[in-house]
Amino acid sequence: MLKIKITTLYSFLILSVAILIYLLPGYTQFFLGVPSTAYALGLTFFICLIVFFDILVRKRIILNKAIIAFLFLSIIIVVSGFVNRTEFLKVLLYLNFAATPLVISYLIEILNKRNLFIRTQLSRLFFIIVLIQLPFVVLQKYFYNFLIQFSNANQVISEVDFMFGTFALKADHALGFFLIIYLLSIIFKIKSGKLKNKINYFTLIYISFIIVIIESNLTKVILLLIIGYYFALWVFKKISIFGIFLVVLGGFFLFKLAMTSRVIESQMDHYTRTLNKEYSIKAVERGYEKRPHIVIYQLNNESFKWIGNGPYDYYNILKGEFKRTIHFSQIIWFYNDLGLIGLILGVIALFLVIKNLNLGRESTWLFMGIMILYLFMTNVLGDVSMMFSLLLLNNKLENN
């Protein structure tokens, strides 16, 4: 009886976490004025409590390679802070980049080892979350001037950043990431023969339509890459001269389709002209750089970093100020703050998390490639919604 009650409690807590992550942040931050950082840290703390509860009940700690890697990342953060004499509070807050993925990894292990029978409930909840994003995004897209009047947010929200659905404010990348993972979860199940219902193909189209509408251009590009990848696989199953011709033709068509987007076309033109050392140095120093220019600048105009400049050197969280440029990503941020050691360890740790999802080899490398793209555009490891989305791909959970 006690075991049944504990299992029920776990199920309730995990479903509550999902609701808090995907359905309530936009409302609480926009209408109630709850700070985004405080909300995210609160979610991480809530998941930590679930983890601590499991340790107390189980009377032992679960360890796997991913969890150990994030523990080492925590050590690197502390060492970088000590070497660079960083303020203690900055180091403490920076540990969130290791703590969030660590506790999510631990939560996945709890789900796997306790055999919680919540697959159906989670699947239904995730499906509802996907369904309601479109009406929310449409309202945000076409009624910005009306809705912004009700904002109590502690930050300025531009029209471009307003399509976040029910997710956190300005979280278009997090929303896009969730949609991409949900889309991949359906594709993986269809390929494995677990899903044959035609409604799943409708869901793929529905998700693709939402991705086209939202402002995350990275997610649009990834959607095209996924379509191109699986089209190429389908063609190469029928190896022939005609098949190779179809792949080339399909790739050309997808490229032309992408170029119909004025934003993508202008970005392509911009990068082909400016991705060089001279332009990048000038762009960073004058403040009109993009992320690739920052990488080129870091590699050519700054001293090599093994351990970095210390936690929150790139962005001073205590003052809310960037050191040089407002453009950032996990890769740029980690290299500046934790150096090459911290960056490599962060990427390895994330790969170990993905490997622990028990996907096929092909799916693991495909998804890791997608993760690298997101790492280049945003801070993935500190985003609880992005890390929690990995539950959608957890094959062990599917077997419960």
Protein backbone atom coordinates (compact mmCIF):
# COMPACT_ATOMS: atom_id res chain seq x y z
CA MET A 1 0.00 0.00 0.00
CA LEU A 2 2.83 2.41 0.94
CA LYS A 3 4.62 1.64 -2.34
CA ILE A 4 1.45 2.41 -4.30
CA LYS A 5 1.05 5.74 -2.46
CA ILE A 6 4.68 6.71 -3.13
CA THR A 7 4.29 5.82 -6.82
CA THR A 8 1.14 7.96 -6.98
CA LEU A 9 2.99 10.82 -5.29
CA TYR A 10 5.85 10.62 -7.79
CA SER A 11 3.39 10.65 -10.68
CA PHE A 12 1.57 13.68 -9.26
CA LEU A 13 4.82 15.59 -8.68
CA ILE A 14 6.20 14.91 -12.17
CA LEU A 15 2.94 15.86 -13.88
CA SER A 16 2.87 19.03 -11.75
CA VAL A 17 6.39 19.89 -12.90
CA ALA A 18 5.32 19.50 -16.55
CA ILE A 19 2.33 21.82 -16.00
CA LEU A 20 4.50 24.41 -14.24
CA ILE A 21 7.08 24.29 -17.04
CA TYR A 22 4.84 24.39 -20.10
CA LEU A 23 1.43 25.82 -19.20
CA LEU A 24 1.91 28.44 -16.46
CA PRO A 25 5.18 30.41 -16.97
CA GLY A 26 3.84 32.73 -19.67
CA TYR A 27 0.77 33.62 -17.59
CA THR A 28 2.60 34.14 -14.29
CA GLN A 29 5.41 36.18 -15.84
CA PHE A 30 3.22 38.30 -18.15
CA PHE A 31 0.18 39.01 -15.98
CA LEU A 32 1.56 38.57 -12.44
CA GLY A 33 5.05 39.97 -13.05
CA VAL A 34 6.98 36.99 -11.67
CA PRO A 35 10.63 37.39 -12.86
CA SER A 36 11.68 34.79 -15.46
CA THR A 37 14.93 33.94 -13.65
CA ALA A 38 13.18 33.50 -10.30
CA TYR A 39 10.51 31.28 -11.89
CA ALA A 40 13.16 29.10 -13.59
CA LEU A 41 15.22 28.77 -10.42
CA GLY A 42 12.06 27.91 -8.49
CA LEU A 43 11.30 25.10 -10.95
CA THR A 44 14.82 23.72 -10.64
CA PHE A 45 14.53 23.86 -6.84
CA PHE A 46 11.19 22.00 -7.01
CA ILE A 47 12.78 19.23 -9.10
CA CYS A 48 15.69 19.14 -6.63
CA LEU A 49 13.18 18.46 -3.85
CA ILE A 50 11.78 15.49 -5.82
CA VAL A 51 15.34 14.19 -6.27
CA PHE A 52 16.16 14.61 -2.56
CA PHE A 53 12.90 12.88 -1.64
CA ASP A 54 13.84 9.93 -3.85
CA ILE A 55 17.29 9.74 -2.23
CA LEU A 56 15.70 9.68 1.23
CA VAL A 57 13.18 7.01 0.26
CA ARG A 58 15.66 4.90 -1.69
CA LYS A 59 18.48 5.54 0.84
CA ARG A 60 21.04 5.69 -1.94
CA ILE A 61 22.09 7.97 -4.78
CA ILE A 62 21.63 7.01 -8.43
CA LEU A 63 24.69 7.71 -10.56
CA ASN A 64 25.20 7.41 -14.30
CA LYS A 65 27.79 8.85 -16.69
CA ALA A 66 25.70 11.95 -17.45
CA ILE A 67 25.15 12.80 -13.78
CA ILE A 68 28.86 12.30 -13.04
CA ALA A 69 29.78 14.56 -15.99
CA PHE A 70 27.56 17.35 -14.67
CA LEU A 71 29.12 16.94 -11.22
CA PHE A 72 32.51 17.48 -12.87
CA LEU A 73 31.08 20.51 -14.69
CA SER A 74 30.08 21.90 -11.28
CA ILE A 75 33.67 21.47 -10.13
CA ILE A 76 34.97 23.30 -13.22
CA ILE A 77 32.57 26.19 -12.48
CA VAL A 78 33.87 26.43 -8.91
CA VAL A 79 37.52 26.15 -10.03
CA SER A 80 37.05 28.84 -12.71
CA GLY A 81 35.44 31.08 -10.11
CA PHE A 82 38.32 30.49 -7.66
CA VAL A 83 41.07 31.05 -10.25
CA ASN A 84 39.43 34.24 -11.53
CA ARG A 85 38.42 35.43 -8.05
CA THR A 86 34.78 35.65 -9.08
CA GLU A 87 32.18 36.81 -6.58
CA PHE A 88 30.68 33.92 -4.63
CA LEU A 89 27.08 34.78 -5.60
CA LYS A 90 27.96 34.68 -9.30
CA VAL A 91 29.53 31.24 -8.89
CA LEU A 92 26.52 30.02 -6.94
CA LEU A 93 24.05 31.24 -9.57
CA TYR A 94 26.19 29.88 -12.42
CA LEU A 95 25.97 26.40 -10.92
CA ASN A 96 22.42 26.37 -12.33
CA PHE A 97 23.97 25.44 -15.71
CA ALA A 98 25.09 22.16 -14.14
CA ALA A 99 22.30 21.74 -11.58
CA THR A 100 19.36 21.98 -14.02
CA PRO A 101 20.52 19.24 -16.46
CA LEU A 102 21.80 17.17 -13.53
CA VAL A 103 18.46 17.03 -11.71
CA ILE A 104 16.58 16.47 -15.00
CA SER A 105 18.92 13.55 -15.74
CA TYR A 106 18.26 12.25 -12.25
CA LEU A 107 14.52 12.64 -12.77
CA ILE A 108 14.76 10.55 -15.95
CA GLU A 109 16.55 7.87 -13.93
CA ILE A 110 13.78 7.97 -11.30
CA LEU A 111 11.19 7.44 -14.03
CA ASN A 112 13.18 4.56 -15.48
CA LYS A 113 14.05 2.74 -12.26
CA ARG A 114 10.76 3.19 -10.38
CA ASN A 115 8.67 1.96 -13.32
CA LEU A 116 6.13 4.76 -12.87
CA PHE A 117 3.08 4.08 -14.99
CA ILE A 118 2.53 7.65 -16.14
CA ARG A 119 3.39 7.25 -19.82
CA THR A 120 -0.26 7.66 -20.81
CA GLN A 121 -0.82 10.71 -18.60
CA LEU A 122 2.39 12.38 -19.78
CA SER A 123 1.61 11.62 -23.42
CA ARG A 124 -1.86 13.15 -23.10
CA LEU A 125 -0.50 16.19 -21.30
CA PHE A 126 2.25 16.76 -23.91
CA PHE A 127 -0.32 16.35 -26.71
CA ILE A 128 -2.58 18.98 -25.08
CA ILE A 129 0.42 21.31 -24.70
CA VAL A 130 1.18 20.96 -28.42
CA LEU A 131 -2.46 21.52 -29.45
CA ILE A 132 -2.96 24.75 -27.50
CA GLN A 133 0.23 26.42 -28.73
CA LEU A 134 -1.25 27.38 -32.11
CA PRO A 135 -4.21 29.45 -30.81
CA PHE A 136 -1.94 31.15 -28.25
CA VAL A 137 0.73 31.94 -30.86
CA VAL A 138 -1.89 33.30 -33.30
CA LEU A 139 -3.37 35.55 -30.59
CA GLN A 140 0.09 36.80 -29.67
CA LYS A 141 1.02 37.38 -33.31
CA TYR A 142 -2.04 39.40 -34.33
CA PHE A 143 -3.12 41.06 -31.06
CA TYR A 144 0.21 42.28 -29.70
CA ASN A 145 -0.86 45.94 -29.41
CA PHE A 146 -3.95 44.96 -27.41
CA LEU A 147 -2.40 42.29 -25.17
CA ILE A 148 0.75 44.24 -24.30
CA GLN A 149 -1.41 46.72 -22.37
CA PHE A 150 -2.01 44.03 -19.73
CA SER A 151 1.69 43.27 -19.23
CA ASN A 152 3.05 43.36 -15.70
CA ALA A 153 6.33 41.76 -16.77
CA ASN A 154 9.54 43.13 -15.33
CA GLN A 155 11.09 43.27 -18.81
CA VAL A 156 10.33 44.93 -22.14
CA ILE A 157 8.71 42.55 -24.64
CA SER A 158 8.98 43.53 -28.30
CA GLU A 159 6.54 42.32 -30.95
CA VAL A 160 9.19 39.96 -32.34
CA ASP A 161 9.60 38.28 -28.92
CA PHE A 162 5.88 38.00 -28.22
CA MET A 163 5.18 34.61 -29.80
CA PHE A 164 6.09 32.36 -26.86
CA GLY A 165 2.80 30.41 -26.60
CA THR A 166 2.26 29.25 -23.02
CA PHE A 167 6.02 29.05 -22.43
CA ALA A 168 8.19 31.58 -20.58
CA LEU A 169 8.48 35.13 -21.91
CA LYS A 170 10.70 35.48 -25.00
CA ALA A 171 11.12 31.68 -25.00
CA ASP A 172 10.57 31.17 -28.73
CA HIS A 173 13.64 28.90 -28.93
CA ALA A 174 12.35 26.80 -26.00
CA LEU A 175 8.92 26.52 -27.66
CA GLY A 176 10.54 25.59 -30.98
CA PHE A 177 12.77 23.04 -29.27
CA PHE A 178 9.78 21.39 -27.58
CA LEU A 179 7.91 21.20 -30.90
CA ILE A 180 10.95 19.74 -32.68
CA ILE A 181 11.37 17.08 -29.98
CA TYR A 182 7.67 16.19 -30.10
CA LEU A 183 7.90 15.93 -33.90
CA LEU A 184 11.00 13.71 -33.64
CA SER A 185 9.34 11.51 -31.01
CA ILE A 186 6.51 10.79 -33.47
CA ILE A 187 8.94 10.13 -36.35
CA PHE A 188 11.06 7.77 -34.22
CA LYS A 189 7.94 5.82 -33.17
CA ILE A 190 6.62 5.63 -36.74
CA LYS A 191 10.01 4.33 -37.94
CA SER A 192 10.07 1.70 -35.18
CA GLY A 193 6.53 0.56 -36.05
CA LYS A 194 5.02 1.68 -32.70
CA LEU A 195 2.68 4.19 -34.35
CA LYS A 196 0.51 3.61 -37.38
CA ASN A 197 -2.47 5.89 -36.67
CA LYS A 198 -3.01 8.50 -39.42
CA ILE A 199 -3.66 11.19 -36.78
CA ASN A 200 0.08 11.21 -36.10
CA TYR A 201 0.72 12.46 -39.64
CA PHE A 202 -1.80 15.23 -39.02
CA THR A 203 0.08 16.08 -35.81
CA LEU A 204 3.35 16.33 -37.78
CA ILE A 205 1.72 18.81 -40.18
CA TYR A 206 0.16 20.74 -37.29
CA ILE A 207 3.52 21.05 -35.49
CA SER A 208 5.24 22.10 -38.72
CA PHE A 209 2.63 24.84 -39.21
CA ILE A 210 3.29 26.23 -35.69
CA ILE A 211 7.04 26.21 -36.36
CA VAL A 212 6.53 28.21 -39.56
CA ILE A 213 4.56 30.86 -37.63
CA ILE A 214 6.83 31.38 -34.60
CA GLU A 215 9.88 33.67 -34.74
CA SER A 216 12.54 31.03 -34.08
CA ASN A 217 14.31 30.92 -37.46
CA LEU A 218 16.68 28.27 -36.11
CA THR A 219 13.72 25.95 -35.52
CA LYS A 220 12.52 26.57 -39.09
CA VAL A 221 15.95 25.62 -40.44
CA ILE A 222 16.06 22.47 -38.26
CA LEU A 223 12.60 21.47 -39.50
CA LEU A 224 13.85 21.73 -43.10
CA LEU A 225 16.96 19.72 -42.22
CA ILE A 226 14.82 16.96 -40.64
CA ILE A 227 12.56 16.82 -43.68
CA GLY A 228 15.59 16.72 -45.98
CA TYR A 229 17.30 14.05 -43.89
CA TYR A 230 14.37 11.64 -43.86
CA PHE A 231 13.62 12.30 -47.52
CA ALA A 232 17.23 11.37 -48.34
CA LEU A 233 16.95 8.19 -46.23
CA TRP A 234 13.77 7.20 -48.03
CA VAL A 235 15.38 7.73 -51.42
CA PHE A 236 18.60 5.88 -50.58
CA LYS A 237 16.56 2.83 -49.61
CA LYS A 238 15.83 2.65 -53.32
CA ILE A 239 19.44 3.15 -54.45
CA SER A 240 19.55 4.02 -58.14
CA ILE A 241 20.65 6.82 -60.43
CA PHE A 242 17.08 8.10 -60.30
CA GLY A 243 17.18 7.99 -56.50
CA ILE A 244 20.36 10.08 -56.33
CA PHE A 245 18.80 12.53 -58.78
CA LEU A 246 15.75 12.85 -56.50
CA VAL A 247 17.96 13.59 -53.48
CA VAL A 248 19.78 16.36 -55.34
CA LEU A 249 16.51 17.73 -56.68
CA GLY A 250 14.90 17.56 -53.23
CA GLY A 251 17.85 19.35 -51.64
CA PHE A 252 17.69 22.08 -54.28
CA PHE A 253 13.93 22.44 -53.72
CA LEU A 254 14.33 22.72 -49.93
CA PHE A 255 17.08 25.32 -50.37
CA LYS A 256 14.89 27.37 -52.70
CA LEU A 257 11.98 27.00 -50.28
CA ALA A 258 14.14 28.29 -47.44
CA MET A 259 15.24 31.23 -49.57
CA THR A 260 11.61 32.32 -50.00
CA SER A 261 11.84 33.51 -46.40
CA ARG A 262 13.16 37.08 -46.56
CA VAL A 263 14.74 36.67 -43.14
CA ILE A 264 16.66 33.48 -44.06
CA GLU A 265 17.65 34.88 -47.46
CA SER A 266 19.00 38.10 -45.95
CA GLN A 267 20.87 36.12 -43.26
CA MET A 268 22.48 33.85 -45.87
CA ASP A 269 23.55 36.84 -47.95
CA HIS A 270 24.89 38.61 -44.87
CA TYR A 271 26.98 35.66 -43.65
CA THR A 272 28.48 34.85 -47.07
CA ARG A 273 29.83 38.41 -47.20
CA THR A 274 30.93 38.88 -43.60
CA LEU A 275 32.30 35.63 -42.15
CA ASN A 276 35.94 36.68 -42.04
CA LYS A 277 38.41 37.88 -39.42
CA GLU A 278 38.51 41.55 -40.44
CA TYR A 279 34.75 42.06 -40.55
CA SER A 280 34.18 40.10 -37.32
CA ILE A 281 36.65 42.17 -35.30
CA LYS A 282 35.14 45.40 -36.60
CA ALA A 283 31.57 44.16 -36.04
CA VAL A 284 32.18 43.14 -32.41
CA GLU A 285 34.03 46.34 -31.56
CA ARG A 286 31.31 48.50 -33.12
CA GLY A 287 28.38 46.47 -31.79
CA TYR A 288 26.61 45.07 -34.89
CA GLU A 289 27.94 41.51 -34.78
CA LYS A 290 26.12 38.16 -35.00
CA ARG A 291 26.98 34.95 -33.14
CA PRO A 292 29.39 33.55 -35.80
CA HIS A 293 31.29 36.85 -35.73
CA ILE A 294 31.68 36.56 -31.95
CA VAL A 295 33.21 33.08 -32.34
CA ILE A 296 35.67 34.33 -34.99
CA TYR A 297 36.50 37.31 -32.77
CA GLN A 298 37.08 35.11 -29.71
CA LEU A 299 39.41 32.81 -31.64
CA ASN A 300 41.40 35.57 -33.35
CA ASN A 301 41.39 38.60 -31.07
CA GLU A 302 41.39 37.14 -27.54
CA SER A 303 43.90 35.00 -25.67
CA PHE A 304 43.22 31.27 -25.66
CA LYS A 305 41.07 30.21 -22.70
CA TRP A 306 41.56 26.89 -20.87
CA ILE A 307 39.54 27.71 -17.75
CA GLY A 308 37.81 30.91 -18.93
CA ASN A 309 37.36 34.34 -17.36
CA GLY A 310 35.10 33.13 -14.56
CA PRO A 311 31.34 32.53 -14.07
CA TYR A 312 29.12 35.30 -15.42
CA ASP A 313 32.02 37.24 -16.93
CA TYR A 314 30.30 37.36 -20.33
CA TYR A 315 27.07 38.52 -18.69
CA ASN A 316 27.10 40.13 -15.25
CA ILE A 317 23.92 38.69 -13.76
CA LEU A 318 24.16 40.91 -10.67
CA LYS A 319 24.06 44.10 -12.78
CA GLY A 320 22.09 42.71 -15.74
CA GLU A 321 24.83 43.87 -18.13
CA PHE A 322 26.76 42.19 -20.95
CA LYS A 323 30.52 42.73 -21.01
CA ARG A 324 30.71 43.49 -24.71
CA THR A 325 27.79 42.22 -26.79
CA ILE A 326 24.19 41.21 -26.11
CA HIS A 327 24.37 38.22 -28.48
CA PHE A 328 25.08 34.96 -26.68
CA SER A 329 24.75 31.19 -26.77
CA GLN A 330 25.82 28.27 -24.60
CA ILE A 331 28.95 27.71 -26.71
CA ILE A 332 30.00 31.37 -26.72
CA TRP A 333 29.09 31.84 -23.05
CA PHE A 334 30.84 28.68 -21.79
CA TYR A 335 34.03 29.30 -23.77
CA ASN A 336 34.30 32.83 -22.38
CA ASP A 337 33.43 31.91 -18.78
CA LEU A 338 34.70 28.33 -18.38
CA GLY A 339 37.19 28.04 -21.23
CA LEU A 340 37.70 25.10 -23.57
CA ILE A 341 37.66 22.60 -20.69
CA GLY A 342 34.23 23.72 -19.49
CA LEU A 343 32.83 23.92 -23.02
CA ILE A 344 33.98 20.40 -23.99
CA LEU A 345 32.77 18.93 -20.68
CA GLY A 346 29.36 20.60 -21.12
CA VAL A 347 28.94 19.15 -24.62
CA ILE A 348 30.09 15.68 -23.51
CA ALA A 349 27.67 15.76 -20.55
CA LEU A 350 24.78 16.69 -22.83
CA PHE A 351 25.71 13.87 -25.23
CA LEU A 352 25.68 11.40 -22.33
CA VAL A 353 22.17 12.59 -21.37
CA ILE A 354 20.98 11.98 -24.93
CA LYS A 355 22.69 8.58 -25.05
CA ASN A 356 20.89 7.63 -21.83
CA LEU A 357 17.53 8.13 -23.60
CA ASN A 358 18.15 4.77 -25.32
CA LEU A 359 17.50 5.99 -28.83
CA GLY A 360 18.89 4.14 -31.81
CA ARG A 361 22.42 5.04 -32.95
CA GLU A 362 21.16 6.97 -35.98
CA SER A 363 18.58 8.88 -33.91
CA THR A 364 21.13 9.68 -31.19
CA TRP A 365 23.56 11.33 -33.61
CA LEU A 366 20.78 13.14 -35.47
CA PHE A 367 19.45 14.58 -32.23
CA MET A 368 22.94 15.50 -31.00
CA GLY A 369 23.48 17.44 -34.23
CA ILE A 370 20.26 19.33 -33.55
CA MET A 371 21.37 20.03 -29.97
CA ILE A 372 24.67 21.50 -31.22
CA LEU A 373 22.70 23.96 -33.36
CA TYR A 374 20.64 25.04 -30.36
CA LEU A 375 23.80 25.28 -28.22
CA PHE A 376 25.12 27.76 -30.76
CA MET A 377 21.99 29.93 -30.55
CA THR A 378 20.80 29.84 -26.93
CA ASN A 379 21.60 28.63 -23.40
CA VAL A 380 20.25 25.07 -23.41
CA LEU A 381 21.67 23.66 -20.18
CA GLY A 382 20.20 26.37 -17.96
CA ASP A 383 16.75 26.16 -19.55
CA VAL A 384 14.57 23.80 -17.49
CA SER A 385 11.86 23.61 -20.18
CA MET A 386 14.35 22.52 -22.87
CA MET A 387 16.00 19.92 -20.65
CA PHE A 388 12.66 18.55 -19.36
CA SER A 389 11.52 18.15 -22.99
CA LEU A 390 14.01 15.29 -23.29
CA LEU A 391 11.46 13.11 -21.47
CA LEU A 392 9.56 13.01 -24.76
CA LEU A 393 12.37 10.93 -26.29
CA ASN A 394 12.98 8.63 -23.31
CA ASN A 395 12.60 5.15 -24.76
CA LYS A 396 12.72 3.46 -21.33
CA LEU A 397 9.69 5.49 -20.28
CA GLU A 398 7.91 4.26 -23.39
CA ASN A 399 8.34 0.69 -22.20
CA ASN A 400 6.81 1.29 -18.78
